[in-house]
Amino acid sequence: MLSKNGMLLKCSPHTVVRLRGCRARYSSRTKSIVEAIVEQLTTLQGAEVTLRLEIDAEVASGLDRSKVRTLLENANTLNFIDKVVK
């Protein structure tokens, strides 16, 4: 962003996107987001970029213990900060 006198202004971009749809689209949409946004920011000298992934899911039929255990183990392996299955 430029000021009136042409000098660069400090700014902190913050963006949010909600991905919904079929499983196959998640991967391609995530890749597009990384290429279009994250890579643009990480190429800037001195930029500190944090990418946060939050997953909300509703399973009407519920989850059995085995699936809950698998989800929590995978989240732990992938270094998720918050790991909650209600």
Protein backbone atom coordinates (compact mmCIF):
# COMPACT_ATOMS: atom_id res chain seq x y z
CA MET A 1 0.00 0.00 0.00
CA LEU A 2 1.38 3.46 -0.90
CA SER A 3 0.94 6.66 1.03
CA LYS A 4 0.15 9.98 -0.67
CA ASN A 5 3.83 10.83 -1.00
CA GLY A 6 4.66 7.48 -2.63
CA MET A 7 6.33 5.96 0.43
CA LEU A 8 5.54 2.37 1.33
CA LEU A 9 3.32 1.86 4.36
CA LYS A 10 3.68 -0.97 6.84
CA CYS A 11 0.76 -3.34 6.66
CA SER A 12 -0.23 -6.73 7.97
CA PRO A 13 -2.43 -8.66 5.54
CA HIS A 14 -4.98 -10.96 7.15
CA THR A 15 -7.19 -13.12 4.95
CA VAL A 16 -9.75 -15.82 5.62
CA VAL A 17 -11.20 -18.35 3.21
CA ARG A 18 -13.75 -21.08 3.82
CA LEU A 19 -13.33 -24.27 1.81
CA ARG A 20 -16.41 -26.40 1.39
CA GLY A 21 -17.23 -29.10 -1.08
CA CYS A 22 -15.98 -32.44 -2.18
CA ARG A 23 -12.76 -33.98 -0.90
CA ALA A 24 -10.96 -33.73 -4.25
CA ARG A 25 -11.30 -29.93 -4.35
CA TYR A 26 -9.67 -29.33 -0.95
CA SER A 27 -6.23 -30.25 -2.21
CA SER A 28 -6.41 -28.15 -5.38
CA ARG A 29 -7.93 -25.12 -3.59
CA THR A 30 -5.30 -25.29 -0.85
CA LYS A 31 -2.54 -25.49 -3.46
CA SER A 32 -3.99 -22.47 -5.28
CA ILE A 33 -4.15 -20.46 -2.05
CA VAL A 34 -0.53 -21.26 -1.24
CA GLU A 35 0.60 -20.31 -4.73
CA ALA A 36 -1.48 -17.12 -5.05
CA ILE A 37 -1.18 -15.70 -1.54
CA VAL A 38 1.37 -17.40 0.70
CA GLU A 39 4.17 -17.56 -1.86
CA GLN A 40 3.66 -13.86 -2.68
CA LEU A 41 4.10 -12.93 0.97
CA THR A 42 7.02 -15.28 1.73
CA THR A 43 9.07 -13.79 -1.09
CA LEU A 44 9.07 -10.39 0.62
CA GLN A 45 12.24 -9.65 2.55
CA GLY A 46 11.55 -9.53 6.28
CA ALA A 47 8.05 -10.99 5.97
CA GLU A 48 6.93 -13.35 8.70
CA VAL A 49 4.06 -15.50 7.50
CA THR A 50 1.90 -17.77 9.63
CA LEU A 51 -0.56 -20.09 7.94
CA ARG A 52 -3.33 -21.39 10.18
CA LEU A 53 -5.57 -24.30 9.21
CA GLU A 54 -8.76 -24.75 11.19
CA ILE A 55 -11.01 -27.72 10.51
CA ASP A 56 -14.66 -27.85 11.58
CA ALA A 57 -16.61 -30.98 10.73
CA GLU A 58 -20.08 -32.24 11.54
CA VAL A 59 -20.72 -35.98 11.38
CA ALA A 60 -24.43 -36.60 11.98
CA SER A 61 -23.96 -40.31 12.62
CA GLY A 62 -21.14 -39.72 15.12
CA LEU A 63 -17.66 -41.23 15.26
CA ASP A 64 -16.62 -44.54 16.73
CA ARG A 65 -13.73 -44.69 19.21
CA SER A 66 -11.33 -46.03 16.60
CA LYS A 67 -11.94 -43.08 14.27
CA VAL A 68 -11.58 -40.57 17.13
CA ARG A 69 -8.30 -42.20 18.17
CA THR A 70 -7.02 -42.10 14.58
CA LEU A 71 -7.97 -38.44 14.17
CA LEU A 72 -6.27 -37.44 17.42
CA GLU A 73 -3.14 -39.47 16.65
CA ASN A 74 -2.91 -37.92 13.17
CA ALA A 75 -3.41 -34.41 14.57
CA ASN A 76 -0.68 -35.05 17.11
CA THR A 77 1.71 -36.42 14.47
CA LEU A 78 1.04 -33.35 12.30
CA ASN A 79 1.76 -31.02 15.24
CA PHE A 80 -1.73 -29.56 15.51
CA ILE A 81 -1.90 -27.14 18.44
CA ASP A 82 -5.56 -27.74 19.33
CA LYS A 83 -6.88 -31.27 19.07
CA VAL A 84 -10.50 -31.65 20.12
CA VAL A 85 -13.10 -34.18 19.05
CA LYS A 86 -16.48 -33.62 20.69
